[in-house]
């Protein structure tokens, strides 16, 4: 399952800084669940989430089709680099 490439193909046209945007598959306790972490600059993450989460919901729906074809539940979490920096300084 090339889920990372699929997510990149979906989000790359939506972000300004493609080089700073990353997609990682994170480990989970459930073998039937896939957690995808999308990291980027705060303005790009805001664009990917969209007003009221509409863009994020659309991305999740498209990616969930791939998960259903592979009997996996796919979750996508969006985080910005700025949030990580704030957490490290606290």
Protein backbone atom coordinates (compact mmCIF):
# COMPACT_ATOMS: atom_id res chain seq x y z
CA UNK A 1 0.00 0.00 0.00
CA UNK A 2 1.58 3.27 -1.18
CA UNK A 3 -0.41 5.40 1.21
CA UNK A 4 2.38 7.93 1.81
CA UNK A 5 2.69 8.61 -1.92
CA UNK A 6 -1.08 8.94 -2.26
CA UNK A 7 -1.25 11.50 0.55
CA UNK A 8 1.70 13.42 -0.93
CA UNK A 9 0.02 13.43 -4.35
CA UNK A 10 -3.13 14.88 -2.77
CA UNK A 11 -1.53 17.54 -0.56
CA UNK A 12 1.39 18.74 -2.72
CA UNK A 13 -0.77 20.93 -5.02
CA UNK A 14 -2.37 22.54 -1.95
CA UNK A 15 0.77 23.65 -0.08
CA UNK A 16 3.22 26.46 -0.81
CA UNK A 17 6.36 24.82 0.58
CA UNK A 18 6.38 21.22 -0.67
CA UNK A 19 9.91 20.59 0.62
CA UNK A 20 8.88 21.41 4.19
CA UNK A 21 5.80 19.18 4.10
CA UNK A 22 6.21 15.62 5.29
CA UNK A 23 4.04 12.54 5.49
CA UNK A 24 4.86 9.79 7.97
CA UNK A 25 3.16 6.56 8.90
CA UNK A 26 3.18 6.27 12.67
CA UNK A 27 3.04 3.01 14.62
CA UNK A 28 -0.23 1.99 16.27
CA UNK A 29 -1.27 -0.83 18.58
CA UNK A 30 -3.92 -2.06 16.14
CA UNK A 31 -2.59 -3.84 13.04
CA UNK A 32 -5.75 -2.86 11.13
CA UNK A 33 -5.23 0.84 11.80
CA UNK A 34 -2.88 3.22 10.01
CA UNK A 35 -2.04 6.61 11.50
CA UNK A 36 -0.68 9.14 9.04
CA UNK A 37 1.00 12.26 10.35
CA UNK A 38 1.14 15.22 7.98
CA UNK A 39 3.71 17.81 9.07
CA UNK A 40 4.18 21.23 7.57
CA UNK A 41 4.53 24.93 8.14
CA UNK A 42 1.60 26.46 10.00
CA UNK A 43 0.20 28.32 6.97
CA UNK A 44 0.31 25.14 4.86
CA UNK A 45 -1.31 23.06 7.59
CA UNK A 46 -4.04 25.67 7.93
CA UNK A 47 -4.62 25.43 4.18
CA UNK A 48 -4.77 21.61 4.39
CA UNK A 49 -7.29 21.73 7.22
CA UNK A 50 -9.43 24.40 5.57
CA UNK A 51 -12.29 26.42 6.96
CA UNK A 52 -14.18 24.26 9.42
CA UNK A 53 -11.99 21.29 8.53
CA UNK A 54 -13.58 20.90 5.12
CA UNK A 55 -10.35 20.24 3.21
CA UNK A 56 -9.08 17.81 5.86
CA UNK A 57 -12.39 15.93 5.73
CA UNK A 58 -12.16 15.64 1.95
CA UNK A 59 -8.57 14.35 2.16
CA UNK A 60 -9.62 11.80 4.80
CA UNK A 61 -12.52 10.58 2.65
CA UNK A 62 -10.34 10.05 -0.41
CA UNK A 63 -7.64 8.24 1.57
CA UNK A 64 -10.19 6.11 3.44
CA UNK A 65 -11.16 4.46 0.14
CA UNK A 66 -7.62 3.09 -0.14
CA UNK A 67 -7.85 1.87 3.44
CA UNK A 68 -11.13 0.08 2.82
CA UNK A 69 -9.64 -1.68 -0.20
CA UNK A 70 -6.85 -2.96 2.06
CA UNK A 71 -9.05 -3.69 5.14
CA UNK A 72 -7.37 -0.88 7.11
CA UNK A 73 -8.77 2.05 9.07
CA UNK A 74 -6.78 5.14 8.15
CA UNK A 75 -6.53 8.17 10.42
CA UNK A 76 -4.81 11.39 9.38
CA UNK A 77 -3.44 13.91 11.85
CA UNK A 78 -2.21 17.36 10.78
CA UNK A 79 0.53 19.15 12.75
CA UNK A 80 2.59 22.25 12.09
CA UNK A 81 6.27 22.70 12.82
CA UNK A 82 5.42 25.81 14.82
CA UNK A 83 3.36 23.72 17.26
CA UNK A 84 6.26 21.30 17.76
CA UNK A 85 8.62 24.18 18.54
CA UNK A 86 6.17 25.56 21.12
CA UNK A 87 5.83 22.16 22.81
CA UNK A 88 9.62 21.75 23.05
CA UNK A 89 10.04 25.15 24.70
CA UNK A 90 7.40 24.46 27.38
